[in-house]
Structures are given as C-alpha cells and as structure tokens.
Amino acid sequence: MGKTICFLLFLFFVLVAVKTKKSLQRRRNITQLENIVESPASFAIAELVAVAGGIYLALILLTSFLKISMPERLVFFDWSVDYLAAIAILIALLQPICLALYYKISHKI
C-alpha cells in the first residue's frame, strides 16, 4: 500500500514538474535551433532528464572531490536506486516548481 502511494506521489510530482516546465517554456518563448517539431511535453521531459543528469554529475564530482562516503544504494520499500541519482531527480523535479513559485511571488513573468 505504501509503495503504491509513494509511486503515485512520485508520478504526481513528475506530472506537475512537466506541466510547469511547459508553461515556463511558453512564457519565455524558447525557440528551437532546428526545424524539428517537438511537443511541449517531450521538450519538458527531455529538459528534466538533462537537468537531472547535470545535477547527478555535479553530485558525483562533489562527493568524489570532498571524499564523502555515501551509501551506494537507497532501498525504499522493495526498490533499490542509486542514492545520488534519487537526489538528482528530486532536485530536478522540485526546481521548476520552485522557479514558478518564485516568478509568481515576484511577478517577473
């Protein structure tokens, strides 16, 4: 039961992050460099994966440079995931939500 709730909560955050990325993209009028037609959802998912990958690499470099010992795997119910990858995905999902809240509070966009 708890596993299903956590999965649905994760899926909810992914959907909210993708929706927020799509709306931020529309507000900023980001133009494509190529003539490839992409849907806003595919662009947002690709951007989330790219951001998570960049955060993951930065976390690996940081822990390697500072010689921080961290658990290699994070076991959550029956799931086993890379600890730093889970942190990177969580940060990448929260980033557009926090950015949209910042824009809403500061009335920048």
PDB file of N, CA and C in Angstrom:
ATOM      1  N   MET A   1       0.826  -1.193   0.000  1.00  0.00           N
ATOM      2  CA  MET A   1       0.000   0.000   0.000  1.00  0.00           C
ATOM      3  C   MET A   1       0.869   1.256   0.000  1.00  0.00           C
ATOM      4  N   GLY A   2       1.859   1.295   0.893  1.00  0.00           N
ATOM      5  CA  GLY A   2       2.744   2.446   0.979  1.00  0.00           C
ATOM      6  C   GLY A   2       3.577   2.616  -0.271  1.00  0.00           C
ATOM      7  N   LYS A   3       3.949   1.506  -0.893  1.00  0.00           N
ATOM      8  CA  LYS A   3       4.736   1.537  -2.126  1.00  0.00           C
ATOM      9  C   LYS A   3       3.928   2.176  -3.248  1.00  0.00           C
ATOM     10  N   THR A   4       2.676   1.833  -3.334  1.00  0.00           N
ATOM     11  CA  THR A   4       1.799   2.393  -4.361  1.00  0.00           C
ATOM     12  C   THR A   4       1.592   3.882  -4.142  1.00  0.00           C
ATOM     13  N   ILE A   5       1.404   4.293  -2.909  1.00  0.00           N
ATOM     14  CA  ILE A   5       1.211   5.710  -2.600  1.00  0.00           C
ATOM     15  C   ILE A   5       2.463   6.503  -2.947  1.00  0.00           C
ATOM     16  N   CYS A   6       3.629   5.968  -2.616  1.00  0.00           N
ATOM     17  CA  CYS A   6       4.882   6.655  -2.944  1.00  0.00           C
ATOM     18  C   CYS A   6       5.082   6.748  -4.447  1.00  0.00           C
ATOM     19  N   PHE A   7       4.744   5.691  -5.179  1.00  0.00           N
ATOM     20  CA  PHE A   7       4.866   5.730  -6.629  1.00  0.00           C
ATOM     21  C   PHE A   7       3.907   6.753  -7.218  1.00  0.00           C
ATOM     22  N   LEU A   8       2.680   6.808  -6.735  1.00  0.00           N
ATOM     23  CA  LEU A   8       1.709   7.780  -7.236  1.00  0.00           C
ATOM     24  C   LEU A   8       2.132   9.203  -6.885  1.00  0.00           C
ATOM     25  N   LEU A   9       2.710   9.394  -5.707  1.00  0.00           N
ATOM     26  CA  LEU A   9       3.209  10.705  -5.316  1.00  0.00           C
ATOM     27  C   LEU A   9       4.365  11.134  -6.218  1.00  0.00           C
ATOM     28  N   PHE A  10       5.270  10.197  -6.531  1.00  0.00           N
ATOM     29  CA  PHE A  10       6.371  10.490  -7.441  1.00  0.00           C
ATOM     30  C   PHE A  10       5.835  10.829  -8.823  1.00  0.00           C
ATOM     31  N   LEU A  11       4.874  10.065  -9.300  1.00  0.00           N
ATOM     32  CA  LEU A  11       4.266  10.328 -10.598  1.00  0.00           C
ATOM     33  C   LEU A  11       3.572  11.685 -10.618  1.00  0.00           C
ATOM     34  N   PHE A  12       2.927  12.046  -9.524  1.00  0.00           N
ATOM     35  CA  PHE A  12       2.288  13.356  -9.410  1.00  0.00           C
ATOM     36  C   PHE A  12       3.317  14.475  -9.534  1.00  0.00           C
ATOM     37  N   PHE A  13       4.457  14.331  -8.837  1.00  0.00           N
ATOM     38  CA  PHE A  13       5.496  15.349  -8.924  1.00  0.00           C
ATOM     39  C   PHE A  13       6.073  15.439 -10.329  1.00  0.00           C
ATOM     40  N   VAL A  14       6.215  14.312 -11.008  1.00  0.00           N
ATOM     41  CA  VAL A  14       6.705  14.337 -12.387  1.00  0.00           C
ATOM     42  C   VAL A  14       5.717  15.092 -13.273  1.00  0.00           C
ATOM     43  N   LEU A  15       4.438  14.820 -13.127  1.00  0.00           N
ATOM     44  CA  LEU A  15       3.428  15.494 -13.945  1.00  0.00           C
ATOM     45  C   LEU A  15       3.383  16.989 -13.656  1.00  0.00           C
ATOM     46  N   VAL A  16       3.469  17.369 -12.377  1.00  0.00           N
ATOM     47  CA  VAL A  16       3.470  18.794 -12.020  1.00  0.00           C
ATOM     48  C   VAL A  16       4.711  19.478 -12.572  1.00  0.00           C
ATOM     49  N   ALA A  17       5.863  18.819 -12.477  1.00  0.00           N
ATOM     50  CA  ALA A  17       7.104  19.408 -12.985  1.00  0.00           C
ATOM     51  C   ALA A  17       7.059  19.574 -14.497  1.00  0.00           C
ATOM     52  N   VAL A  18       6.530  18.574 -15.212  1.00  0.00           N
ATOM     53  CA  VAL A  18       6.434  18.670 -16.666  1.00  0.00           C
ATOM     54  C   VAL A  18       5.461  19.771 -17.063  1.00  0.00           C
ATOM     55  N   LYS A  19       4.343  19.863 -16.373  1.00  0.00           N
ATOM     56  CA  LYS A  19       3.364  20.911 -16.670  1.00  0.00           C
ATOM     57  C   LYS A  19       3.959  22.289 -16.412  1.00  0.00           C
ATOM     58  N   THR A  20       4.707  22.423 -15.339  1.00  0.00           N
ATOM     59  CA  THR A  20       5.329  23.699 -15.018  1.00  0.00           C
ATOM     60  C   THR A  20       6.398  24.060 -16.038  1.00  0.00           C
ATOM     61  N   LYS A  21       7.194  23.068 -16.451  1.00  0.00           N
ATOM     62  CA  LYS A  21       8.210  23.315 -17.482  1.00  0.00           C
ATOM     63  C   LYS A  21       7.555  23.767 -18.782  1.00  0.00           C
ATOM     64  N   LYS A  22       6.427  23.132 -19.152  1.00  0.00           N
ATOM     65  CA  LYS A  22       5.727  23.518 -20.374  1.00  0.00           C
ATOM     66  C   LYS A  22       5.233  24.959 -20.295  1.00  0.00           C
ATOM     67  N   SER A  23       4.675  25.339 -19.164  1.00  0.00           N
ATOM     68  CA  SER A  23       4.162  26.704 -19.048  1.00  0.00           C
ATOM     69  C   SER A  23       5.300  27.720 -19.010  1.00  0.00           C
ATOM     70  N   LEU A  24       6.410  27.382 -18.361  1.00  0.00           N
ATOM     71  CA  LEU A  24       7.556  28.291 -18.356  1.00  0.00           C
ATOM     72  C   LEU A  24       8.130  28.438 -19.763  1.00  0.00           C
ATOM     73  N   GLN A  25       8.137  27.353 -20.524  1.00  0.00           N
ATOM     74  CA  GLN A  25       8.632  27.401 -21.900  1.00  0.00           C
ATOM     75  C   GLN A  25       7.756  28.319 -22.745  1.00  0.00           C
ATOM     76  N   ARG A  26       6.455  28.199 -22.591  1.00  0.00           N
ATOM     77  CA  ARG A  26       5.548  29.054 -23.354  1.00  0.00           C
ATOM     78  C   ARG A  26       5.714  30.519 -22.969  1.00  0.00           C
ATOM     79  N   ARG A  27       5.923  30.796 -21.682  1.00  0.00           N
ATOM     80  CA  ARG A  27       6.074  32.179 -21.229  1.00  0.00           C
ATOM     81  C   ARG A  27       7.372  32.802 -21.721  1.00  0.00           C
ATOM     82  N   ARG A  28       8.415  32.014 -21.808  1.00  0.00           N
ATOM     83  CA  ARG A  28       9.715  32.538 -22.222  1.00  0.00           C
ATOM     84  C   ARG A  28       9.878  32.574 -23.733  1.00  0.00           C
ATOM     85  N   ASN A  29       8.982  31.907 -24.456  1.00  0.00           N
ATOM     86  CA  ASN A  29       9.059  31.824 -25.923  1.00  0.00           C
ATOM     87  C   ASN A  29      10.410  31.276 -26.373  1.00  0.00           C
ATOM     88  N   ILE A  30      10.768  30.120 -25.838  1.00  0.00           N
ATOM     89  CA  ILE A  30      12.019  29.480 -26.228  1.00  0.00           C
ATOM     90  C   ILE A  30      11.880  29.009 -27.669  1.00  0.00           C
ATOM     91  N   THR A  31      12.844  29.378 -28.508  1.00  0.00           N
ATOM     92  CA  THR A  31      12.804  28.968 -29.902  1.00  0.00           C
ATOM     93  C   THR A  31      13.707  27.767 -30.104  1.00  0.00           C
ATOM     94  N   GLN A  32      13.348  26.951 -31.048  1.00  0.00           N
ATOM     95  CA  GLN A  32      14.114  25.760 -31.378  1.00  0.00           C
ATOM     96  C   GLN A  32      15.256  26.155 -32.306  1.00  0.00           C
ATOM     97  N   LEU A  33      16.398  25.489 -32.164  1.00  0.00           N
ATOM     98  CA  LEU A  33      17.521  25.736 -33.051  1.00  0.00           C
ATOM     99  C   LEU A  33      17.354  25.007 -34.374  1.00  0.00           C
ATOM    100  N   GLU A  34      16.620  23.922 -34.369  1.00  0.00           N
ATOM    101  CA  GLU A  34      16.392  23.141 -35.570  1.00  0.00           C
ATOM    102  C   GLU A  34      14.920  23.224 -35.945  1.00  0.00           C
ATOM    103  N   ASN A  35      14.594  22.716 -37.089  1.00  0.00           N
ATOM    104  CA  ASN A  35      13.213  22.731 -37.548  1.00  0.00           C
ATOM    105  C   ASN A  35      12.450  21.485 -37.139  1.00  0.00           C
ATOM    106  N   ILE A  36      12.930  20.775 -36.139  1.00  0.00           N
ATOM    107  CA  ILE A  36      12.262  19.578 -35.658  1.00  0.00           C
ATOM    108  C   ILE A  36      11.054  19.996 -34.832  1.00  0.00           C
ATOM    109  N   VAL A  37       9.940  19.358 -35.104  1.00  0.00           N
ATOM    110  CA  VAL A  37       8.722  19.678 -34.362  1.00  0.00           C
ATOM    111  C   VAL A  37       8.681  18.794 -33.119  1.00  0.00           C
ATOM    112  N   GLU A  38       8.703  19.436 -31.974  1.00  0.00           N
ATOM    113  CA  GLU A  38       8.628  18.725 -30.696  1.00  0.00           C
ATOM    114  C   GLU A  38       7.369  19.158 -29.965  1.00  0.00           C
ATOM    115  N   SER A  39       6.807  18.251 -29.235  1.00  0.00           N
ATOM    116  CA  SER A  39       5.679  18.644 -28.404  1.00  0.00           C
ATOM    117  C   SER A  39       6.238  19.300 -27.144  1.00  0.00           C
ATOM    118  N   PRO A  40       5.476  20.167 -26.519  1.00  0.00           N
ATOM    119  CA  PRO A  40       5.956  20.783 -25.290  1.00  0.00           C
ATOM    120  C   PRO A  40       6.236  19.761 -24.187  1.00  0.00           C
ATOM    121  N   ALA A  41       5.469  18.672 -24.154  1.00  0.00           N
ATOM    122  CA  ALA A  41       5.689  17.647 -23.128  1.00  0.00           C
ATOM    123  C   ALA A  41       7.015  16.926 -23.350  1.00  0.00           C
ATOM    124  N   SER A  42       7.329  16.575 -24.596  1.00  0.00           N
ATOM    125  CA  SER A  42       8.591  15.889 -24.852  1.00  0.00           C
ATOM    126  C   SER A  42       9.771  16.805 -24.585  1.00  0.00           C
ATOM    127  N   PHE A  43       9.628  18.080 -24.906  1.00  0.00           N
ATOM    128  CA  PHE A  43      10.690  19.043 -24.619  1.00  0.00           C
ATOM    129  C   PHE A  43      10.896  19.168 -23.110  1.00  0.00           C
ATOM    130  N   ALA A  44       9.808  19.218 -22.354  1.00  0.00           N
ATOM    131  CA  ALA A  44       9.907  19.359 -20.902  1.00  0.00           C
ATOM    132  C   ALA A  44      10.523  18.123 -20.265  1.00  0.00           C
ATOM    133  N   ILE A  45      10.146  16.932 -20.731  1.00  0.00           N
ATOM    134  CA  ILE A  45      10.720  15.702 -20.175  1.00  0.00           C
ATOM    135  C   ILE A  45      12.200  15.610 -20.509  1.00  0.00           C
ATOM    136  N   ALA A  46      12.573  15.948 -21.739  1.00  0.00           N
ATOM    137  CA  ALA A  46      13.986  15.919 -22.117  1.00  0.00           C
ATOM    138  C   ALA A  46      14.789  16.920 -21.298  1.00  0.00           C
ATOM    139  N   GLU A  47      14.212  18.071 -21.030  1.00  0.00           N
ATOM    140  CA  GLU A  47      14.896  19.075 -20.222  1.00  0.00           C
ATOM    141  C   GLU A  47      15.042  18.614 -18.773  1.00  0.00           C
ATOM    142  N   LEU A  48      14.008  17.962 -18.238  1.00  0.00           N
ATOM    143  CA  LEU A  48      14.099  17.433 -16.868  1.00  0.00           C
ATOM    144  C   LEU A  48      15.185  16.368 -16.757  1.00  0.00           C
ATOM    145  N   VAL A  49      15.259  15.482 -17.749  1.00  0.00           N
ATOM    146  CA  VAL A  49      16.288  14.442 -17.731  1.00  0.00           C
ATOM    147  C   VAL A  49      17.684  15.067 -17.861  1.00  0.00           C
ATOM    148  N   ALA A  50      17.811  16.083 -18.708  1.00  0.00           N
ATOM    149  CA  ALA A  50      19.102  16.744 -18.867  1.00  0.00           C
ATOM    150  C   ALA A  50      19.531  17.448 -17.583  1.00  0.00           C
ATOM    151  N   VAL A  51      18.596  18.110 -16.936  1.00  0.00           N
ATOM    152  CA  VAL A  51      18.910  18.788 -15.675  1.00  0.00           C
ATOM    153  C   VAL A  51      19.284  17.776 -14.607  1.00  0.00           C
ATOM    154  N   ALA A  52      18.523  16.687 -14.514  1.00  0.00           N
ATOM    155  CA  ALA A  52      18.834  15.648 -13.526  1.00  0.00           C
ATOM    156  C   ALA A  52      20.206  15.035 -13.795  1.00  0.00           C
ATOM    157  N   GLY A  53      20.545  14.835 -15.054  1.00  0.00           N
ATOM    158  CA  GLY A  53      21.862  14.299 -15.395  1.00  0.00           C
ATOM    159  C   GLY A  53      22.983  15.238 -15.010  1.00  0.00           C
ATOM    160  N   GLY A  54      22.787  16.528 -15.238  1.00  0.00           N
ATOM    161  CA  GLY A  54      23.791  17.516 -14.843  1.00  0.00           C
ATOM    162  C   GLY A  54      23.958  17.586 -13.338  1.00  0.00           C
ATOM    163  N   ILE A  55      22.852  17.538 -12.627  1.00  0.00           N
ATOM    164  CA  ILE A  55      22.913  17.555 -11.162  1.00  0.00           C
ATOM    165  C   ILE A  55      23.601  16.292 -10.666  1.00  0.00           C
ATOM    166  N   TYR A  56      23.302  15.160 -11.278  1.00  0.00           N
ATOM    167  CA  TYR A  56      23.922  13.890 -10.890  1.00  0.00           C
ATOM    168  C   TYR A  56      25.435  13.944 -11.064  1.00  0.00           C
ATOM    169  N   LEU A  57      25.887  14.444 -12.204  1.00  0.00           N
ATOM    170  CA  LEU A  57      27.331  14.555 -12.431  1.00  0.00           C
ATOM    171  C   LEU A  57      27.983  15.508 -11.438  1.00  0.00           C
ATOM    172  N   ALA A  58      27.304  16.617 -11.142  1.00  0.00           N
ATOM    173  CA  ALA A  58      27.851  17.562 -10.171  1.00  0.00           C
ATOM    174  C   ALA A  58      27.929  16.934  -8.779  1.00  0.00           C
ATOM    175  N   LEU A  59      26.916  16.155  -8.400  1.00  0.00           N
ATOM    176  CA  LEU A  59      26.940  15.494  -7.093  1.00  0.00           C
ATOM    177  C   LEU A  59      28.037  14.441  -7.015  1.00  0.00           C
ATOM    178  N   ILE A  60      28.247  13.706  -8.098  1.00  0.00           N
ATOM    179  CA  ILE A  60      29.324  12.709  -8.120  1.00  0.00           C
ATOM    180  C   ILE A  60      30.679  13.387  -7.987  1.00  0.00           C
ATOM    181  N   LEU A  61      30.882  14.468  -8.729  1.00  0.00           N
ATOM    182  CA  LEU A  61      32.148  15.192  -8.639  1.00  0.00           C
ATOM    183  C   LEU A  61      32.355  15.782  -7.243  1.00  0.00           C
ATOM    184  N   LEU A  62      31.297  16.304  -6.663  1.00  0.00           N
ATOM    185  CA  LEU A  62      31.393  16.894  -5.329  1.00  0.00           C
ATOM    186  C   LEU A  62      31.734  15.850  -4.278  1.00  0.00           C
ATOM    187  N   THR A  63      31.044  14.721  -4.300  1.00  0.00           N
ATOM    188  CA  THR A  63      31.322  13.682  -3.311  1.00  0.00           C
ATOM    189  C   THR A  63      32.698  13.062  -3.532  1.00  0.00           C
ATOM    190  N   SER A  64      33.126  12.966  -4.780  1.00  0.00           N
ATOM    191  CA  SER A  64      34.451  12.437  -5.070  1.00  0.00           C
ATOM    192  C   SER A  64      35.538  13.410  -4.614  1.00  0.00           C
ATOM    193  N   PHE A  65      35.346  14.684  -4.891  1.00  0.00           N
ATOM    194  CA  PHE A  65      36.332  15.699  -4.531  1.00  0.00           C
ATOM    195  C   PHE A  65      36.457  15.845  -3.013  1.00  0.00           C
ATOM    196  N   LEU A  66      35.332  15.835  -2.328  1.00  0.00           N
ATOM    197  CA  LEU A  66      35.345  16.009  -0.871  1.00  0.00           C
ATOM    198  C   LEU A  66      35.541  14.697  -0.117  1.00  0.00           C
ATOM    199  N   LYS A  67      35.636  13.592  -0.860  1.00  0.00           N
ATOM    200  CA  LYS A  67      35.813  12.262  -0.262  1.00  0.00           C
ATOM    201  C   LYS A  67      34.711  11.953   0.756  1.00  0.00           C
ATOM    202  N   ILE A  68      33.494  12.267   0.374  1.00  0.00           N
ATOM    203  CA  ILE A  68      32.331  11.996   1.222  1.00  0.00           C
ATOM    204  C   ILE A  68      31.891  10.564   0.965  1.00  0.00           C
ATOM    205  N   SER A  69      31.752   9.792   2.014  1.00  0.00           N
ATOM    206  CA  SER A  69      31.258   8.428   1.843  1.00  0.00           C
ATOM    207  C   SER A  69      29.739   8.437   2.004  1.00  0.00           C
ATOM    208  N   MET A  70      29.085   7.942   0.977  1.00  0.00           N
ATOM    209  CA  MET A  70      27.628   7.909   0.966  1.00  0.00           C
ATOM    210  C   MET A  70      27.194   6.489   0.668  1.00  0.00           C
ATOM    211  N   PRO A  71      25.993   6.123   1.072  1.00  0.00           N
ATOM    212  CA  PRO A  71      25.513   4.786   0.705  1.00  0.00           C
ATOM    213  C   PRO A  71      25.391   4.676  -0.810  1.00  0.00           C
ATOM    214  N   GLU A  72      25.746   3.528  -1.310  1.00  0.00           N
ATOM    215  CA  GLU A  72      25.727   3.348  -2.756  1.00  0.00           C
ATOM    216  C   GLU A  72      24.304   3.203  -3.282  1.00  0.00           C
ATOM    217  N   ARG A  73      23.462   2.513  -2.556  1.00  0.00           N
ATOM    218  CA  ARG A  73      22.086   2.284  -2.978  1.00  0.00           C
ATOM    219  C   ARG A  73      21.124   2.766  -1.898  1.00  0.00           C
ATOM    220  N   LEU A  74      19.996   3.222  -2.321  1.00  0.00           N
ATOM    221  CA  LEU A  74      18.921   3.629  -1.430  1.00  0.00           C
ATOM    222  C   LEU A  74      17.798   2.616  -1.594  1.00  0.00           C
ATOM    223  N   VAL A  75      17.469   1.927  -0.531  1.00  0.00           N
ATOM    224  CA  VAL A  75      16.405   0.924  -0.590  1.00  0.00           C
ATOM    225  C   VAL A  75      15.146   1.560  -0.016  1.00  0.00           C
ATOM    226  N   PHE A  76      14.136   1.651  -0.862  1.00  0.00           N
ATOM    227  CA  PHE A  76      12.867   2.266  -0.498  1.00  0.00           C
ATOM    228  C   PHE A  76      11.786   1.244  -0.766  1.00  0.00           C
ATOM    229  N   PHE A  77      11.234   0.681   0.302  1.00  0.00           N
ATOM    230  CA  PHE A  77      10.348  -0.476   0.210  1.00  0.00           C
ATOM    231  C   PHE A  77      11.107  -1.594  -0.498  1.00  0.00           C
ATOM    232  N   ASP A  78      10.664  -2.040  -1.663  1.00  0.00           N
ATOM    233  CA  ASP A  78      11.367  -3.094  -2.395  1.00  0.00           C
ATOM    234  C   ASP A  78      12.241  -2.537  -3.515  1.00  0.00           C
ATOM    235  N   TRP A  79      12.252  -1.241  -3.691  1.00  0.00           N
ATOM    236  CA  TRP A  79      13.014  -0.628  -4.763  1.00  0.00           C
ATOM    237  C   TRP A  79      14.416  -0.298  -4.282  1.00  0.00           C
ATOM    238  N   SER A  80      15.376  -0.482  -5.156  1.00  0.00           N
ATOM    239  CA  SER A  80      16.755  -0.128  -4.861  1.00  0.00           C
ATOM    240  C   SER A  80      17.239   0.804  -5.960  1.00  0.00           C
ATOM    241  N   VAL A  81      17.579   2.032  -5.586  1.00  0.00           N
ATOM    242  CA  VAL A  81      18.025   3.023  -6.571  1.00  0.00           C
ATOM    243  C   VAL A  81      19.347   3.629  -6.111  1.00  0.00           C
ATOM    244  N   ASP A  82      20.057   4.216  -7.061  1.00  0.00           N
ATOM    245  CA  ASP A  82      21.286   4.918  -6.745  1.00  0.00           C
ATOM    246  C   ASP A  82      20.942   6.134  -5.888  1.00  0.00           C
ATOM    247  N   TYR A  83      21.679   6.307  -4.807  1.00  0.00           N
ATOM    248  CA  TYR A  83      21.389   7.360  -3.839  1.00  0.00           C
ATOM    249  C   TYR A  83      21.505   8.744  -4.477  1.00  0.00           C
ATOM    250  N   LEU A  84      22.606   8.999  -5.163  1.00  0.00           N
ATOM    251  CA  LEU A  84      22.805  10.313  -5.771  1.00  0.00           C
ATOM    252  C   LEU A  84      21.838  10.553  -6.930  1.00  0.00           C
ATOM    253  N   ALA A  85      21.480   9.501  -7.659  1.00  0.00           N
ATOM    254  CA  ALA A  85      20.514   9.658  -8.748  1.00  0.00           C
ATOM    255  C   ALA A  85      19.141  10.039  -8.198  1.00  0.00           C
ATOM    256  N   ALA A  86      18.765   9.462  -7.073  1.00  0.00           N
ATOM    257  CA  ALA A  86      17.482   9.806  -6.456  1.00  0.00           C
ATOM    258  C   ALA A  86      17.471  11.267  -6.009  1.00  0.00           C
ATOM    259  N   ILE A  87      18.576  11.717  -5.437  1.00  0.00           N
ATOM    260  CA  ILE A  87      18.674  13.122  -5.020  1.00  0.00           C
ATOM    261  C   ILE A  87      18.614  14.036  -6.242  1.00  0.00           C
ATOM    262  N   ALA A  88      19.316  13.659  -7.315  1.00  0.00           N
ATOM    263  CA  ALA A  88      19.332  14.477  -8.533  1.00  0.00           C
ATOM    264  C   ALA A  88      17.946  14.580  -9.153  1.00  0.00           C
ATOM    265  N   ILE A  89      17.230  13.483  -9.215  1.00  0.00           N
ATOM    266  CA  ILE A  89      15.877  13.516  -9.779  1.00  0.00           C
ATOM    267  C   ILE A  89      14.949  14.357  -8.903  1.00  0.00           C
ATOM    268  N   LEU A  90      15.078  14.225  -7.600  1.00  0.00           N
ATOM    269  CA  LEU A  90      14.248  15.016  -6.695  1.00  0.00           C
ATOM    270  C   LEU A  90      14.517  16.513  -6.869  1.00  0.00           C
ATOM    271  N   ILE A  91      15.777  16.900  -6.965  1.00  0.00           N
ATOM    272  CA  ILE A  91      16.114  18.313  -7.166  1.00  0.00           C
ATOM    273  C   ILE A  91      15.606  18.789  -8.522  1.00  0.00           C
ATOM    274  N   ALA A  92      15.766  17.964  -9.558  1.00  0.00           N
ATOM    275  CA  ALA A  92      15.302  18.349 -10.899  1.00  0.00           C
ATOM    276  C   ALA A  92      13.787  18.487 -10.949  1.00  0.00           C
ATOM    277  N   LEU A  93      13.070  17.694 -10.181  1.00  0.00           N
ATOM    278  CA  LEU A  93      11.611  17.807 -10.154  1.00  0.00           C
ATOM    279  C   LEU A  93      11.153  19.021  -9.359  1.00  0.00           C
ATOM    280  N   LEU A  94      11.869  19.353  -8.308  1.00  0.00           N
ATOM    281  CA  LEU A  94      11.470  20.493  -7.475  1.00  0.00           C
ATOM    282  C   LEU A  94      11.884  21.833  -8.082  1.00  0.00           C
ATOM    283  N   GLN A  95      12.910  21.852  -8.915  1.00  0.00           N
ATOM    284  CA  GLN A  95      13.425  23.102  -9.477  1.00  0.00           C
ATOM    285  C   GLN A  95      12.387  23.890 -10.269  1.00  0.00           C
ATOM    286  N   PRO A  96      11.653  23.302 -11.228  1.00  0.00           N
ATOM    287  CA  PRO A  96      10.679  24.121 -11.963  1.00  0.00           C
ATOM    288  C   PRO A  96       9.508  24.571 -11.094  1.00  0.00           C
ATOM    289  N   ILE A  97       9.149  23.761 -10.111  1.00  0.00           N
ATOM    290  CA  ILE A  97       8.050  24.141  -9.217  1.00  0.00           C
ATOM    291  C   ILE A  97       8.466  25.342  -8.380  1.00  0.00           C
ATOM    292  N   CYS A  98       9.680  25.300  -7.828  1.00  0.00           N
ATOM    293  CA  CYS A  98      10.185  26.427  -7.036  1.00  0.00           C
ATOM    294  C   CYS A  98      10.373  27.662  -7.903  1.00  0.00           C
ATOM    295  N   LEU A  99      10.833  27.481  -9.143  1.00  0.00           N
ATOM    296  CA  LEU A  99      11.023  28.605 -10.054  1.00  0.00           C
ATOM    297  C   LEU A  99       9.686  29.256 -10.403  1.00  0.00           C
ATOM    298  N   ALA A 100       8.670  28.453 -10.639  1.00  0.00           N
ATOM    299  CA  ALA A 100       7.338  29.001 -10.943  1.00  0.00           C
ATOM    300  C   ALA A 100       6.780  29.752  -9.735  1.00  0.00           C
ATOM    301  N   LEU A 101       6.994  29.215  -8.540  1.00  0.00           N
ATOM    302  CA  LEU A 101       6.553  29.928  -7.335  1.00  0.00           C
ATOM    303  C   LEU A 101       7.297  31.250  -7.181  1.00  0.00           C
ATOM    304  N   TYR A 102       8.593  31.243  -7.469  1.00  0.00           N
ATOM    305  CA  TYR A 102       9.376  32.479  -7.390  1.00  0.00           C
ATOM    306  C   TYR A 102       8.837  33.517  -8.369  1.00  0.00           C
ATOM    307  N   TYR A 103       8.565  33.089  -9.610  1.00  0.00           N
ATOM    308  CA  TYR A 103       8.028  34.019 -10.599  1.00  0.00           C
ATOM    309  C   TYR A 103       6.643  34.535 -10.209  1.00  0.00           C
ATOM    310  N   LYS A 104       5.857  33.649  -9.606  1.00  0.00           N
ATOM    311  CA  LYS A 104       4.516  34.069  -9.193  1.00  0.00           C
ATOM    312  C   LYS A 104       4.593  35.088  -8.056  1.00  0.00           C
ATOM    313  N   ILE A 105       5.499  34.857  -7.111  1.00  0.00           N
ATOM    314  CA  ILE A 105       5.637  35.779  -5.977  1.00  0.00           C
ATOM    315  C   ILE A 105       6.244  37.109  -6.410  1.00  0.00           C
ATOM    316  N   SER A 106       7.263  37.059  -7.269  1.00  0.00           N
ATOM    317  CA  SER A 106       7.949  38.283  -7.659  1.00  0.00           C
ATOM    318  C   SER A 106       7.303  38.979  -8.860  1.00  0.00           C
ATOM    319  N   HIS A 107       6.328  38.345  -9.484  1.00  0.00           N
ATOM    320  CA  HIS A 107       5.599  38.908 -10.646  1.00  0.00           C
ATOM    321  C   HIS A 107       6.546  39.235 -11.791  1.00  0.00           C
ATOM    322  N   LYS A 108       7.577  38.407 -12.004  1.00  0.00           N
ATOM    323  CA  LYS A 108       8.529  38.653 -13.092  1.00  0.00           C
ATOM    324  C   LYS A 108       7.959  38.224 -14.438  1.00  0.00           C
ATOM    325  N   ILE A 109       7.212  37.135 -14.486  1.00  0.00           N
ATOM    326  CA  ILE A 109       6.666  36.689 -15.773  1.00  0.00           C
ATOM    327  C   ILE A 109       5.159  36.713 -15.690  1.00  0.00           C
TER     328      ILE A 109
END
